[in-house]
Amino acid sequence: MAIVTSQEIKNAFLKANVDFDINTLKADVAFREQGVDSLDFATLLLSIEEAFGVSIPDDKMESLQTIDQICSFVVEHTA
């Protein structure tokens, strides 16, 4: 099983066109608590799908609220 780090997730986020500094995001704090709005959140998830070749179902998006949760999702779906 591959390991995906929070830095790899942030690197994928850098390709997204969002209005905040990706490097200030904390891995264990919800995106909304860090000022990420719903449009930027959707953009970030699209960047994850593209970078890691995974598909994030709409009903799963709401449960991916932190970088740590995204790391776990990517690991589980790329094994």
Protein backbone atom coordinates (compact mmCIF):
# COMPACT_ATOMS: atom_id res chain seq x y z
CA MET A 1 0.00 0.00 0.00
CA ALA A 2 1.42 3.37 -1.02
CA ILE A 3 1.82 6.19 1.47
CA VAL A 4 0.57 9.64 0.55
CA THR A 5 1.87 12.52 2.63
CA SER A 6 0.21 15.81 3.43
CA GLN A 7 2.97 17.54 1.45
CA GLU A 8 2.08 15.51 -1.64
CA ILE A 9 -1.54 16.60 -1.20
CA LYS A 10 -0.44 20.23 -0.85
CA ASN A 11 1.71 19.88 -3.97
CA ALA A 12 -1.36 18.69 -5.88
CA PHE A 13 -3.33 21.63 -4.45
CA LEU A 14 -0.71 24.07 -5.80
CA LYS A 15 -1.98 23.31 -9.31
CA ALA A 16 -5.44 24.50 -8.33
CA ASN A 17 -6.30 28.13 -8.88
CA VAL A 18 -7.44 29.14 -5.38
CA ASP A 19 -7.45 32.41 -3.46
CA PHE A 20 -5.39 31.44 -0.42
CA ASP A 21 -1.92 30.22 0.48
CA ILE A 22 -1.90 26.42 0.26
CA ASN A 23 1.17 26.22 2.48
CA THR A 24 -0.73 27.64 5.45
CA LEU A 25 -3.19 24.73 5.52
CA LYS A 26 -2.91 22.44 8.54
CA ALA A 27 -3.33 18.73 7.85
CA ASP A 28 -5.61 17.98 10.78
CA VAL A 29 -7.92 21.02 10.72
CA ALA A 30 -11.10 21.16 8.60
CA PHE A 31 -10.80 23.21 5.44
CA ARG A 32 -13.78 25.41 6.34
CA GLU A 33 -12.20 26.22 9.71
CA GLN A 34 -9.19 27.46 7.73
CA GLY A 35 -11.26 29.76 5.52
CA VAL A 36 -11.60 27.52 2.46
CA ASP A 37 -14.94 28.22 0.78
CA SER A 38 -17.03 25.60 -1.02
CA LEU A 39 -15.85 26.59 -4.51
CA ASP A 40 -12.17 26.40 -3.55
CA PHE A 41 -12.86 23.11 -1.74
CA ALA A 42 -14.36 21.61 -4.91
CA THR A 43 -11.38 22.90 -6.92
CA LEU A 44 -8.98 21.28 -4.45
CA LEU A 45 -10.75 17.94 -4.72
CA LEU A 46 -10.61 18.10 -8.51
CA SER A 47 -6.86 18.66 -8.27
CA ILE A 48 -6.59 15.52 -6.12
CA GLU A 49 -8.56 13.49 -8.66
CA GLU A 50 -6.26 14.64 -11.45
CA ALA A 51 -3.00 14.26 -9.52
CA PHE A 52 -3.66 10.81 -8.11
CA GLY A 53 -5.99 9.30 -10.71
CA VAL A 54 -8.82 8.74 -8.25
CA SER A 55 -12.50 9.53 -8.51
CA ILE A 56 -14.14 11.13 -5.49
CA PRO A 57 -17.90 10.43 -5.48
CA ASP A 58 -20.13 13.37 -4.61
CA ASP A 59 -21.45 11.61 -1.51
CA LYS A 60 -17.87 11.13 -0.23
CA MET A 61 -16.76 14.75 -0.68
CA GLU A 62 -18.39 15.97 2.53
CA SER A 63 -16.46 13.43 4.61
CA LEU A 64 -13.10 14.66 3.27
CA GLN A 65 -12.72 17.70 5.47
CA THR A 66 -8.98 17.62 6.23
CA ILE A 67 -5.77 16.93 4.37
CA ASP A 68 -5.27 13.86 6.60
CA GLN A 69 -8.65 12.49 5.51
CA ILE A 70 -7.76 13.08 1.87
CA CYS A 71 -4.44 11.27 2.36
CA SER A 72 -6.30 8.25 3.75
CA PHE A 73 -8.84 8.31 0.92
CA VAL A 74 -6.14 8.44 -1.76
CA VAL A 75 -4.20 5.58 -0.16
CA GLU A 76 -7.34 3.43 0.06
CA HIS A 77 -8.35 4.11 -3.55
CA THR A 78 -4.98 3.76 -5.27
CA ALA A 79 -3.95 0.43 -3.73
